[in-house]
Amino acid sequence: MKKRVLSTLAAIGAVLAVAALAFFEPWRAFTSSTLDEAAPSSVVGAPAARTTPPAPAASSGTPASTPRSTTAPDPAPAAAATPAPSPAPVDRDLSVGRFVNAEHETNGTARIIELADGRRYLRLEGFSTSDGPDVHVWLSEATAGGSWGKYDDNGYVKLGELKATDGNQNYLIPAGADISSMRSAVIWCDRFNVAFGAAPVKLAA
């Protein structure tokens, strides 16, 4: 009987150990990956070439005589004023901030870029953090720094899973997302509800 109980406890312990390994994925503390994406940009096409019509060919015959007008020609109409063209839209940085550590050491720069065509991206440059389970990239209304678990307390925008632990990466911000109240870019572990790191974001309200 005692052996059966010990065998049952051992089996339960093994199941719990496997479940714990699957949940915590401790081997990720020793893994890393690198991605180097080019910065997003708008490609603005060159304007169509303007062509000048050819001049009419000179006649080889003798022009016929025409009666001379006795009235003064009408004055040439004044040229219409042409409004100055509006400046073409350009790609621009809406915000740039440096990452600060949270649960894990995290380095690099977070840039929010708005392209001339209206698309917006969060770009991570010179970025480095730790690997982990269920890690995502967010924009959050919480300010960078302080409590590791505060970034989901209020509003946030999910941008997708973290593509790699290191390098340069782009994350498209959904077209309809209102990011005016966002105050940080966050590397967020959904499984444990903690931030690995965060960078300050300053946007116009």
N, C-alpha and C. Protein backbone atom coordinates (compact mmCIF):
# COMPACT_ATOMS: atom_id res chain seq x y z
N MET A 1 0.83 -1.20 0.00
CA MET A 1 0.00 0.00 0.00
C MET A 1 0.87 1.25 0.00
N LYS A 2 1.90 1.23 0.86
CA LYS A 2 2.79 2.38 0.95
C LYS A 2 3.51 2.62 -0.37
N LYS A 3 3.93 1.51 -1.02
CA LYS A 3 4.61 1.64 -2.30
C LYS A 3 3.68 2.23 -3.35
N ARG A 4 2.39 1.84 -3.28
CA ARG A 4 1.43 2.36 -4.26
C ARG A 4 1.24 3.86 -4.07
N VAL A 5 1.17 4.29 -2.81
CA VAL A 5 1.01 5.72 -2.53
C VAL A 5 2.22 6.49 -3.03
N LEU A 6 3.42 5.95 -2.74
CA LEU A 6 4.64 6.62 -3.19
C LEU A 6 4.71 6.69 -4.70
N SER A 7 4.28 5.60 -5.35
CA SER A 7 4.28 5.57 -6.81
C SER A 7 3.30 6.61 -7.38
N THR A 8 2.13 6.73 -6.74
CA THR A 8 1.14 7.71 -7.18
C THR A 8 1.65 9.14 -7.01
N LEU A 9 2.27 9.38 -5.83
CA LEU A 9 2.83 10.72 -5.58
C LEU A 9 3.94 11.05 -6.57
N ALA A 10 4.75 10.06 -6.90
CA ALA A 10 5.83 10.27 -7.86
C ALA A 10 5.26 10.60 -9.24
N ALA A 11 4.19 9.92 -9.61
CA ALA A 11 3.56 10.18 -10.91
C ALA A 11 2.97 11.58 -10.94
N ILE A 12 2.31 11.95 -9.84
CA ILE A 12 1.73 13.31 -9.77
C ILE A 12 2.83 14.35 -9.83
N GLY A 13 3.92 14.10 -9.11
CA GLY A 13 5.04 15.03 -9.12
C GLY A 13 5.63 15.18 -10.51
N ALA A 14 5.72 14.08 -11.24
CA ALA A 14 6.27 14.14 -12.60
C ALA A 14 5.36 14.95 -13.52
N VAL A 15 4.04 14.74 -13.38
CA VAL A 15 3.09 15.49 -14.19
C VAL A 15 3.18 16.99 -13.87
N LEU A 16 3.27 17.32 -12.58
CA LEU A 16 3.38 18.72 -12.19
C LEU A 16 4.69 19.33 -12.69
N ALA A 17 5.75 18.56 -12.67
CA ALA A 17 7.04 19.07 -13.14
C ALA A 17 6.98 19.36 -14.64
N VAL A 18 6.34 18.45 -15.40
CA VAL A 18 6.20 18.67 -16.84
C VAL A 18 5.33 19.90 -17.11
N ALA A 19 4.24 20.02 -16.34
CA ALA A 19 3.36 21.18 -16.51
C ALA A 19 4.08 22.47 -16.18
N ALA A 20 4.89 22.45 -15.13
CA ALA A 20 5.64 23.65 -14.74
C ALA A 20 6.64 24.03 -15.83
N LEU A 21 7.31 23.02 -16.40
CA LEU A 21 8.26 23.31 -17.48
C LEU A 21 7.55 23.92 -18.68
N ALA A 22 6.37 23.36 -19.02
CA ALA A 22 5.63 23.88 -20.17
C ALA A 22 5.15 25.30 -19.92
N PHE A 23 4.82 25.61 -18.67
CA PHE A 23 4.29 26.94 -18.36
C PHE A 23 5.40 27.98 -18.27
N PHE A 24 6.45 27.66 -17.55
CA PHE A 24 7.52 28.64 -17.31
C PHE A 24 8.55 28.70 -18.43
N GLU A 25 8.72 27.60 -19.18
CA GLU A 25 9.70 27.54 -20.27
C GLU A 25 11.05 28.13 -19.83
N PRO A 26 11.67 27.56 -18.80
CA PRO A 26 12.89 28.16 -18.25
C PRO A 26 14.06 28.18 -19.23
N TRP A 27 14.05 27.31 -20.24
CA TRP A 27 15.16 27.30 -21.19
C TRP A 27 15.24 28.60 -21.99
N ARG A 28 14.13 29.36 -22.03
CA ARG A 28 14.16 30.62 -22.78
C ARG A 28 15.12 31.64 -22.16
N ALA A 29 15.48 31.44 -20.92
CA ALA A 29 16.44 32.36 -20.30
C ALA A 29 17.81 32.26 -20.98
N PHE A 30 18.02 31.20 -21.76
CA PHE A 30 19.32 30.98 -22.41
C PHE A 30 19.23 31.05 -23.92
N THR A 31 18.09 31.49 -24.47
CA THR A 31 17.94 31.58 -25.92
C THR A 31 17.81 33.03 -26.34
N SER A 32 18.14 33.30 -27.58
CA SER A 32 18.02 34.65 -28.14
C SER A 32 17.86 34.54 -29.65
N SER A 33 17.44 35.63 -30.26
CA SER A 33 17.28 35.68 -31.71
C SER A 33 17.50 37.12 -32.16
N THR A 34 17.88 37.29 -33.42
CA THR A 34 18.18 38.61 -33.95
C THR A 34 17.43 38.84 -35.26
N LEU A 35 16.87 40.05 -35.42
CA LEU A 35 16.18 40.44 -36.64
C LEU A 35 16.62 41.86 -36.99
N ASP A 36 16.95 42.09 -38.27
CA ASP A 36 17.39 43.42 -38.70
C ASP A 36 16.51 43.87 -39.87
N GLU A 37 15.44 44.60 -39.56
CA GLU A 37 14.54 45.12 -40.59
C GLU A 37 14.92 46.56 -40.94
N ALA A 38 14.79 46.91 -42.22
CA ALA A 38 15.02 48.29 -42.64
C ALA A 38 13.91 49.18 -42.09
N ALA A 39 14.22 50.43 -41.86
CA ALA A 39 13.22 51.37 -41.35
C ALA A 39 12.12 51.55 -42.39
N PRO A 40 10.85 51.60 -41.97
CA PRO A 40 9.76 51.81 -42.92
C PRO A 40 9.85 53.20 -43.54
N SER A 41 9.44 53.32 -44.80
CA SER A 41 9.45 54.61 -45.48
C SER A 41 8.41 54.61 -46.58
N SER A 42 7.99 55.81 -46.99
CA SER A 42 7.07 55.97 -48.11
C SER A 42 7.88 56.19 -49.38
N VAL A 43 7.45 55.57 -50.47
CA VAL A 43 8.08 55.78 -51.76
C VAL A 43 7.16 56.70 -52.55
N VAL A 44 7.60 57.94 -52.75
CA VAL A 44 6.80 58.92 -53.47
C VAL A 44 7.26 58.93 -54.92
N GLY A 45 6.35 58.65 -55.89
CA GLY A 45 6.71 58.59 -57.30
C GLY A 45 7.04 59.96 -57.86
N ALA A 46 7.94 60.00 -58.83
CA ALA A 46 8.30 61.27 -59.48
C ALA A 46 7.14 61.77 -60.32
N PRO A 47 6.96 63.09 -60.42
CA PRO A 47 5.86 63.61 -61.24
C PRO A 47 6.06 63.27 -62.71
N ALA A 48 4.95 63.15 -63.45
CA ALA A 48 5.03 62.82 -64.87
C ALA A 48 5.77 63.92 -65.62
N ALA A 49 6.58 63.51 -66.62
CA ALA A 49 7.35 64.48 -67.39
C ALA A 49 6.41 65.33 -68.24
N ARG A 50 6.70 66.62 -68.29
CA ARG A 50 5.90 67.53 -69.10
C ARG A 50 6.56 67.70 -70.46
N THR A 51 5.82 67.49 -71.54
CA THR A 51 6.37 67.59 -72.88
C THR A 51 5.93 68.89 -73.52
N THR A 52 6.81 69.45 -74.37
CA THR A 52 6.51 70.69 -75.09
C THR A 52 6.16 70.35 -76.53
N PRO A 53 5.01 70.78 -77.05
CA PRO A 53 4.66 70.45 -78.44
C PRO A 53 5.66 71.06 -79.40
N PRO A 54 5.96 70.36 -80.55
CA PRO A 54 6.93 70.90 -81.51
C PRO A 54 6.42 72.17 -82.15
N ALA A 55 7.37 73.07 -82.53
CA ALA A 55 7.01 74.31 -83.21
C ALA A 55 6.55 74.00 -84.62
N PRO A 56 5.57 74.73 -85.17
CA PRO A 56 5.11 74.46 -86.53
C PRO A 56 6.23 74.72 -87.53
N ALA A 57 6.27 73.88 -88.60
CA ALA A 57 7.32 74.02 -89.62
C ALA A 57 7.09 75.28 -90.41
N ALA A 58 8.20 75.93 -90.83
CA ALA A 58 8.12 77.16 -91.64
C ALA A 58 7.66 76.82 -93.04
N SER A 59 6.82 77.68 -93.63
CA SER A 59 6.33 77.47 -94.99
C SER A 59 7.40 77.89 -95.98
N SER A 60 7.53 77.11 -97.08
CA SER A 60 8.52 77.44 -98.10
C SER A 60 7.98 78.39 -99.15
N GLY A 61 6.66 78.62 -99.25
CA GLY A 61 6.07 79.50 -100.25
C GLY A 61 6.08 80.94 -99.80
N THR A 62 5.70 81.83 -100.71
CA THR A 62 5.63 83.25 -100.41
C THR A 62 4.29 83.55 -99.79
N PRO A 63 4.26 84.14 -98.61
CA PRO A 63 2.97 84.37 -97.96
C PRO A 63 2.15 85.36 -98.76
N ALA A 64 0.84 85.13 -98.81
CA ALA A 64 -0.05 86.05 -99.51
C ALA A 64 -0.20 87.31 -98.70
N SER A 65 -0.39 88.43 -99.42
CA SER A 65 -0.55 89.70 -98.74
C SER A 65 -1.91 89.76 -98.08
N THR A 66 -1.96 90.33 -96.90
CA THR A 66 -3.21 90.45 -96.15
C THR A 66 -3.45 91.90 -95.85
N PRO A 67 -4.74 92.30 -95.80
CA PRO A 67 -5.02 93.70 -95.49
C PRO A 67 -4.54 94.05 -94.11
N ARG A 68 -3.97 95.26 -93.99
CA ARG A 68 -3.45 95.71 -92.70
C ARG A 68 -4.60 96.25 -91.86
N SER A 69 -4.64 95.80 -90.62
CA SER A 69 -5.70 96.24 -89.72
C SER A 69 -5.47 97.68 -89.31
N THR A 70 -6.57 98.41 -89.23
CA THR A 70 -6.46 99.81 -88.83
C THR A 70 -6.82 100.01 -87.37
N THR A 71 -7.19 98.91 -86.70
CA THR A 71 -7.55 99.01 -85.28
C THR A 71 -6.44 98.42 -84.43
N ALA A 72 -6.25 98.96 -83.23
CA ALA A 72 -5.21 98.46 -82.31
C ALA A 72 -5.61 97.09 -81.79
N PRO A 73 -4.66 96.19 -81.66
CA PRO A 73 -4.99 94.85 -81.13
C PRO A 73 -5.43 94.93 -79.68
N ASP A 74 -6.29 93.98 -79.30
CA ASP A 74 -6.72 93.91 -77.92
C ASP A 74 -5.52 93.58 -77.04
N PRO A 75 -5.46 94.18 -75.84
CA PRO A 75 -4.33 93.85 -74.94
C PRO A 75 -4.41 92.39 -74.50
N ALA A 76 -3.24 91.79 -74.27
CA ALA A 76 -3.20 90.40 -73.83
C ALA A 76 -3.83 90.27 -72.45
N PRO A 77 -4.64 89.23 -72.23
CA PRO A 77 -5.25 89.05 -70.90
C PRO A 77 -4.19 88.82 -69.83
N ALA A 78 -4.46 89.37 -68.65
CA ALA A 78 -3.51 89.18 -67.54
C ALA A 78 -3.48 87.72 -67.13
N ALA A 79 -2.29 87.23 -66.83
CA ALA A 79 -2.15 85.83 -66.40
C ALA A 79 -2.80 85.63 -65.04
N ALA A 80 -3.53 84.51 -64.92
CA ALA A 80 -4.18 84.20 -63.65
C ALA A 80 -3.13 83.85 -62.60
N ALA A 81 -3.36 84.31 -61.39
CA ALA A 81 -2.42 84.01 -60.29
C ALA A 81 -2.50 82.53 -59.95
N THR A 82 -1.34 81.88 -59.85
CA THR A 82 -1.26 80.46 -59.52
C THR A 82 -0.93 80.31 -58.04
N PRO A 83 -1.80 79.62 -57.27
CA PRO A 83 -1.51 79.47 -55.84
C PRO A 83 -0.26 78.63 -55.62
N ALA A 84 0.47 78.96 -54.59
CA ALA A 84 1.68 78.20 -54.26
C ALA A 84 1.30 76.78 -53.87
N PRO A 85 2.01 75.79 -54.38
CA PRO A 85 1.68 74.40 -54.05
C PRO A 85 1.90 74.10 -52.56
N SER A 86 1.04 73.25 -52.01
CA SER A 86 1.20 72.84 -50.62
C SER A 86 2.41 71.93 -50.50
N PRO A 87 3.14 72.01 -49.39
CA PRO A 87 4.29 71.12 -49.24
C PRO A 87 3.86 69.66 -49.22
N ALA A 88 4.63 68.83 -49.89
CA ALA A 88 4.31 67.40 -49.95
C ALA A 88 4.49 66.77 -48.58
N PRO A 89 3.62 65.82 -48.19
CA PRO A 89 3.79 65.15 -46.90
C PRO A 89 5.08 64.35 -46.88
N VAL A 90 5.70 64.27 -45.73
CA VAL A 90 6.97 63.55 -45.58
C VAL A 90 6.87 62.60 -44.39
N ASP A 91 7.76 61.61 -44.38
CA ASP A 91 7.86 60.73 -43.22
C ASP A 91 8.41 61.52 -42.04
N ARG A 92 7.93 61.22 -40.83
CA ARG A 92 8.41 61.97 -39.67
C ARG A 92 8.32 61.12 -38.41
N ASP A 93 9.16 61.45 -37.45
CA ASP A 93 9.13 60.82 -36.13
C ASP A 93 8.10 61.54 -35.27
N LEU A 94 7.17 60.79 -34.69
CA LEU A 94 6.23 61.37 -33.74
C LEU A 94 6.79 61.35 -32.33
N SER A 95 7.66 60.38 -32.04
CA SER A 95 8.24 60.28 -30.71
C SER A 95 9.46 59.37 -30.75
N VAL A 96 10.44 59.66 -29.90
CA VAL A 96 11.63 58.82 -29.75
C VAL A 96 11.95 58.71 -28.26
N GLY A 97 12.17 57.50 -27.77
CA GLY A 97 12.49 57.30 -26.36
C GLY A 97 13.40 56.12 -26.15
N ARG A 98 14.17 56.15 -25.06
CA ARG A 98 15.09 55.06 -24.73
C ARG A 98 14.43 54.09 -23.75
N PHE A 99 14.68 52.80 -23.95
CA PHE A 99 14.13 51.79 -23.05
C PHE A 99 14.79 51.85 -21.67
N VAL A 100 13.97 51.57 -20.65
CA VAL A 100 14.45 51.39 -19.28
C VAL A 100 14.11 49.97 -18.85
N ASN A 101 14.88 49.42 -17.94
CA ASN A 101 14.68 48.05 -17.51
C ASN A 101 13.41 47.89 -16.68
N ALA A 102 12.81 46.71 -16.79
CA ALA A 102 11.73 46.32 -15.89
C ALA A 102 12.12 44.97 -15.30
N GLU A 103 11.38 43.90 -15.60
CA GLU A 103 11.76 42.60 -15.03
C GLU A 103 13.08 42.10 -15.60
N HIS A 104 13.37 42.46 -16.84
CA HIS A 104 14.62 42.05 -17.48
C HIS A 104 15.35 43.27 -18.01
N GLU A 105 16.66 43.13 -18.16
CA GLU A 105 17.44 44.21 -18.76
C GLU A 105 17.00 44.39 -20.21
N THR A 106 16.65 45.61 -20.57
CA THR A 106 16.17 45.92 -21.92
C THR A 106 16.81 47.21 -22.38
N ASN A 107 17.37 47.20 -23.60
CA ASN A 107 18.09 48.35 -24.14
C ASN A 107 17.59 48.69 -25.54
N GLY A 108 17.89 49.91 -25.97
CA GLY A 108 17.55 50.32 -27.32
C GLY A 108 16.63 51.53 -27.34
N THR A 109 16.19 51.86 -28.54
CA THR A 109 15.35 53.04 -28.77
C THR A 109 14.02 52.63 -29.38
N ALA A 110 12.97 53.30 -28.93
CA ALA A 110 11.63 53.12 -29.52
C ALA A 110 11.28 54.38 -30.29
N ARG A 111 10.97 54.24 -31.58
CA ARG A 111 10.55 55.37 -32.42
C ARG A 111 9.13 55.11 -32.93
N ILE A 112 8.29 56.11 -32.84
CA ILE A 112 6.99 56.04 -33.51
C ILE A 112 7.11 56.89 -34.76
N ILE A 113 6.94 56.24 -35.91
CA ILE A 113 7.13 56.88 -37.21
C ILE A 113 5.79 56.99 -37.92
N GLU A 114 5.52 58.16 -38.47
CA GLU A 114 4.34 58.35 -39.32
C GLU A 114 4.82 58.58 -40.74
N LEU A 115 4.38 57.72 -41.67
CA LEU A 115 4.79 57.84 -43.05
C LEU A 115 3.93 58.86 -43.78
N ALA A 116 4.42 59.31 -44.93
CA ALA A 116 3.69 60.29 -45.72
C ALA A 116 2.33 59.77 -46.14
N ASP A 117 2.19 58.47 -46.28
CA ASP A 117 0.89 57.90 -46.70
C ASP A 117 -0.05 57.64 -45.52
N GLY A 118 0.35 58.02 -44.30
CA GLY A 118 -0.52 57.91 -43.14
C GLY A 118 -0.29 56.71 -42.27
N ARG A 119 0.45 55.72 -42.74
CA ARG A 119 0.73 54.55 -41.90
C ARG A 119 1.65 54.94 -40.75
N ARG A 120 1.47 54.26 -39.61
CA ARG A 120 2.29 54.52 -38.44
C ARG A 120 2.93 53.22 -37.96
N TYR A 121 4.15 53.34 -37.50
CA TYR A 121 4.90 52.17 -37.02
C TYR A 121 5.57 52.50 -35.70
N LEU A 122 5.68 51.47 -34.86
CA LEU A 122 6.62 51.51 -33.75
C LEU A 122 7.86 50.77 -34.22
N ARG A 123 9.01 51.43 -34.16
CA ARG A 123 10.27 50.82 -34.57
C ARG A 123 11.18 50.69 -33.36
N LEU A 124 11.73 49.50 -33.16
CA LEU A 124 12.71 49.24 -32.12
C LEU A 124 14.09 49.22 -32.78
N GLU A 125 15.00 50.07 -32.32
CA GLU A 125 16.33 50.18 -32.92
C GLU A 125 17.41 49.90 -31.88
N GLY A 126 18.45 49.16 -32.31
CA GLY A 126 19.51 48.81 -31.39
C GLY A 126 18.95 48.09 -30.17
N PHE A 127 17.93 47.27 -30.41
CA PHE A 127 17.11 46.71 -29.34
C PHE A 127 17.71 45.41 -28.81
N SER A 128 17.53 45.19 -27.49
CA SER A 128 17.96 43.94 -26.88
C SER A 128 17.18 43.71 -25.58
N THR A 129 16.66 42.50 -25.44
CA THR A 129 15.97 42.12 -24.20
C THR A 129 16.14 40.62 -24.01
N SER A 130 15.52 40.06 -22.99
CA SER A 130 15.59 38.62 -22.74
C SER A 130 14.47 37.90 -23.48
N ASP A 131 14.68 36.63 -23.74
CA ASP A 131 13.61 35.81 -24.30
C ASP A 131 12.67 35.40 -23.17
N GLY A 132 11.48 34.98 -23.56
CA GLY A 132 10.50 34.56 -22.56
C GLY A 132 9.24 34.07 -23.23
N PRO A 133 8.35 33.46 -22.47
CA PRO A 133 7.11 32.94 -23.05
C PRO A 133 6.06 34.03 -23.23
N ASP A 134 5.39 33.99 -24.39
CA ASP A 134 4.22 34.84 -24.62
C ASP A 134 4.56 36.33 -24.48
N VAL A 135 5.64 36.76 -25.15
CA VAL A 135 6.10 38.15 -25.04
C VAL A 135 5.55 38.95 -26.23
N HIS A 136 4.99 40.11 -25.93
CA HIS A 136 4.33 40.94 -26.94
C HIS A 136 4.85 42.38 -26.87
N VAL A 137 4.50 43.15 -27.91
CA VAL A 137 4.86 44.57 -27.97
C VAL A 137 3.57 45.38 -27.87
N TRP A 138 3.55 46.33 -26.95
CA TRP A 138 2.37 47.17 -26.70
C TRP A 138 2.75 48.65 -26.73
N LEU A 139 1.71 49.45 -26.92
CA LEU A 139 1.73 50.86 -26.51
C LEU A 139 0.79 50.97 -25.32
N SER A 140 1.18 51.69 -24.28
CA SER A 140 0.39 51.76 -23.06
C SER A 140 0.21 53.20 -22.60
N GLU A 141 -0.89 53.44 -21.89
CA GLU A 141 -1.13 54.76 -21.30
C GLU A 141 -0.27 54.99 -20.06
N ALA A 142 0.30 53.93 -19.50
CA ALA A 142 1.16 54.08 -18.32
C ALA A 142 2.51 54.68 -18.73
N THR A 143 3.09 55.47 -17.84
CA THR A 143 4.41 56.03 -18.10
C THR A 143 5.48 54.96 -17.91
N ALA A 144 6.60 55.11 -18.61
CA ALA A 144 7.69 54.14 -18.52
C ALA A 144 8.35 54.21 -17.15
N GLY A 145 8.72 53.05 -16.61
CA GLY A 145 9.38 52.99 -15.31
C GLY A 145 8.40 52.68 -14.20
N GLY A 146 8.94 52.30 -13.06
CA GLY A 146 8.09 51.99 -11.91
C GLY A 146 7.65 50.54 -11.90
N SER A 147 6.44 50.30 -11.43
CA SER A 147 5.92 48.94 -11.27
C SER A 147 5.93 48.17 -12.58
N TRP A 148 6.37 46.92 -12.55
CA TRP A 148 6.45 46.11 -13.75
C TRP A 148 5.08 45.70 -14.27
N GLY A 149 4.07 45.67 -13.42
CA GLY A 149 2.78 45.13 -13.83
C GLY A 149 1.70 46.16 -14.11
N LYS A 150 2.06 47.44 -14.18
CA LYS A 150 1.05 48.50 -14.28
C LYS A 150 0.57 48.77 -15.71
N TYR A 151 1.24 48.23 -16.71
CA TYR A 151 1.01 48.67 -18.09
C TYR A 151 -0.32 48.20 -18.68
N ASP A 152 -0.99 47.27 -18.03
CA ASP A 152 -2.32 46.85 -18.50
C ASP A 152 -3.42 47.37 -17.58
N ASP A 153 -3.09 48.29 -16.67
CA ASP A 153 -4.10 48.80 -15.74
C ASP A 153 -5.10 49.71 -16.43
N ASN A 154 -4.67 50.40 -17.49
CA ASN A 154 -5.56 51.31 -18.22
C ASN A 154 -5.53 50.95 -19.70
N GLY A 155 -5.55 51.95 -20.58
CA GLY A 155 -5.62 51.67 -22.01
C GLY A 155 -4.28 51.22 -22.57
N TYR A 156 -4.34 50.37 -23.59
CA TYR A 156 -3.14 49.94 -24.29
C TYR A 156 -3.53 49.47 -25.69
N VAL A 157 -2.54 49.42 -26.58
CA VAL A 157 -2.73 48.96 -27.96
C VAL A 157 -1.74 47.83 -28.21
N LYS A 158 -2.25 46.68 -28.61
CA LYS A 158 -1.38 45.53 -28.89
C LYS A 158 -0.86 45.62 -30.32
N LEU A 159 0.44 45.40 -30.49
CA LEU A 159 1.05 45.49 -31.81
C LEU A 159 1.56 44.15 -32.32
N GLY A 160 1.43 43.10 -31.52
CA GLY A 160 1.85 41.77 -31.98
C GLY A 160 2.93 41.17 -31.10
N GLU A 161 3.26 39.92 -31.40
CA GLU A 161 4.30 39.22 -30.64
C GLU A 161 5.67 39.81 -30.95
N LEU A 162 6.55 39.77 -29.94
CA LEU A 162 7.92 40.23 -30.14
C LEU A 162 8.58 39.35 -31.21
N LYS A 163 9.15 39.99 -32.24
CA LYS A 163 9.70 39.24 -33.36
C LYS A 163 11.05 38.60 -33.03
N ALA A 164 11.86 39.26 -32.22
CA ALA A 164 13.18 38.75 -31.87
C ALA A 164 13.67 39.48 -30.63
N THR A 165 14.61 38.88 -29.93
CA THR A 165 15.13 39.51 -28.71
C THR A 165 16.10 40.64 -29.01
N ASP A 166 16.66 40.67 -30.22
CA ASP A 166 17.69 41.66 -30.55
C ASP A 166 17.49 42.19 -31.96
N GLY A 167 18.02 43.41 -32.19
CA GLY A 167 18.06 43.93 -33.55
C GLY A 167 17.21 45.16 -33.77
N ASN A 168 16.74 45.31 -35.01
CA ASN A 168 15.91 46.44 -35.45
C ASN A 168 14.61 45.88 -36.01
N GLN A 169 13.48 46.33 -35.47
CA GLN A 169 12.21 45.70 -35.79
C GLN A 169 11.11 46.74 -35.96
N ASN A 170 10.15 46.46 -36.86
CA ASN A 170 9.03 47.36 -37.12
C ASN A 170 7.71 46.68 -36.75
N TYR A 171 6.83 47.45 -36.11
CA TYR A 171 5.51 46.96 -35.72
C TYR A 171 4.46 47.96 -36.21
N LEU A 172 3.59 47.51 -37.11
CA LEU A 172 2.57 48.38 -37.68
C LEU A 172 1.51 48.69 -36.62
N ILE A 173 1.20 49.97 -36.46
CA ILE A 173 0.14 50.40 -35.55
C ILE A 173 -1.19 50.35 -36.30
N PRO A 174 -2.22 49.71 -35.76
CA PRO A 174 -3.50 49.62 -36.49
C PRO A 174 -3.98 50.99 -36.95
N ALA A 175 -4.53 51.04 -38.17
CA ALA A 175 -4.90 52.31 -38.79
C ALA A 175 -5.89 53.10 -37.95
N GLY A 176 -6.84 52.41 -37.31
CA GLY A 176 -7.86 53.13 -36.56
C GLY A 176 -7.53 53.38 -35.11
N ALA A 177 -6.33 53.02 -34.68
CA ALA A 177 -5.98 53.14 -33.26
C ALA A 177 -5.73 54.60 -32.88
N ASP A 178 -6.33 55.04 -31.77
CA ASP A 178 -6.06 56.37 -31.22
C ASP A 178 -4.89 56.22 -30.24
N ILE A 179 -3.74 56.75 -30.62
CA ILE A 179 -2.54 56.59 -29.78
C ILE A 179 -2.19 57.90 -29.07
N SER A 180 -3.07 58.89 -29.12
CA SER A 180 -2.74 60.19 -28.54
C SER A 180 -2.52 60.13 -27.04
N SER A 181 -3.14 59.14 -26.36
CA SER A 181 -2.99 59.03 -24.91
C SER A 181 -1.91 58.05 -24.49
N MET A 182 -1.22 57.42 -25.45
CA MET A 182 -0.20 56.45 -25.12
C MET A 182 1.05 57.15 -24.58
N ARG A 183 1.66 56.55 -23.57
CA ARG A 183 2.82 57.17 -22.91
C ARG A 183 4.05 56.28 -22.88
N SER A 184 3.92 55.03 -23.34
CA SER A 184 5.09 54.15 -23.32
C SER A 184 4.96 53.05 -24.36
N ALA A 185 6.11 52.61 -24.85
CA ALA A 185 6.21 51.39 -25.65
C ALA A 185 6.71 50.30 -24.72
N VAL A 186 6.04 49.16 -24.71
CA VAL A 186 6.27 48.16 -23.68
C VAL A 186 6.55 46.78 -24.29
N ILE A 187 7.55 46.11 -23.74
CA ILE A 187 7.77 44.69 -24.03
C ILE A 187 7.07 43.94 -22.90
N TRP A 188 5.96 43.29 -23.23
CA TRP A 188 5.04 42.78 -22.22
C TRP A 188 4.93 41.26 -22.27
N CYS A 189 5.12 40.62 -21.12
CA CYS A 189 4.93 39.17 -20.99
C CYS A 189 3.50 38.90 -20.55
N ASP A 190 2.68 38.44 -21.49
CA ASP A 190 1.26 38.21 -21.21
C ASP A 190 1.05 37.08 -20.20
N ARG A 191 1.92 36.11 -20.22
CA ARG A 191 1.73 34.95 -19.35
C ARG A 191 1.88 35.31 -17.88
N PHE A 192 2.80 36.22 -17.57
CA PHE A 192 3.04 36.57 -16.18
C PHE A 192 2.62 38.01 -15.84
N ASN A 193 2.05 38.71 -16.85
CA ASN A 193 1.56 40.08 -16.62
C ASN A 193 2.62 41.01 -16.05
N VAL A 194 3.79 40.99 -16.69
CA VAL A 194 4.87 41.90 -16.28
C VAL A 194 5.56 42.44 -17.53
N ALA A 195 6.18 43.60 -17.40
CA ALA A 195 6.95 44.19 -18.48
C ALA A 195 8.40 43.77 -18.38
N PHE A 196 9.00 43.45 -19.51
CA PHE A 196 10.45 43.22 -19.56
C PHE A 196 11.18 44.55 -19.60
N GLY A 197 10.59 45.54 -20.27
CA GLY A 197 11.17 46.87 -20.38
C GLY A 197 10.16 47.81 -21.01
N ALA A 198 10.42 49.12 -20.91
CA ALA A 198 9.50 50.10 -21.47
C ALA A 198 10.28 51.35 -21.87
N ALA A 199 9.77 52.06 -22.88
CA ALA A 199 10.38 53.31 -23.35
C ALA A 199 9.34 54.41 -23.32
N PRO A 200 9.70 55.61 -22.89
CA PRO A 200 8.72 56.72 -22.86
C PRO A 200 8.29 57.14 -24.25
N VAL A 201 7.01 57.45 -24.37
CA VAL A 201 6.44 57.93 -25.63
C VAL A 201 5.73 59.25 -25.32
N LYS A 202 6.02 60.29 -26.11
CA LYS A 202 5.38 61.59 -25.92
C LYS A 202 4.66 61.96 -27.21
N LEU A 203 3.33 62.01 -27.15
CA LEU A 203 2.51 62.31 -28.31
C LEU A 203 1.58 63.45 -28.00
N ALA A 204 1.19 64.20 -29.02
CA ALA A 204 0.23 65.28 -28.82
C ALA A 204 -1.12 64.71 -28.45
N ALA A 205 -1.78 65.36 -27.51
CA ALA A 205 -3.10 64.88 -27.06
C ALA A 205 -4.13 65.17 -28.11
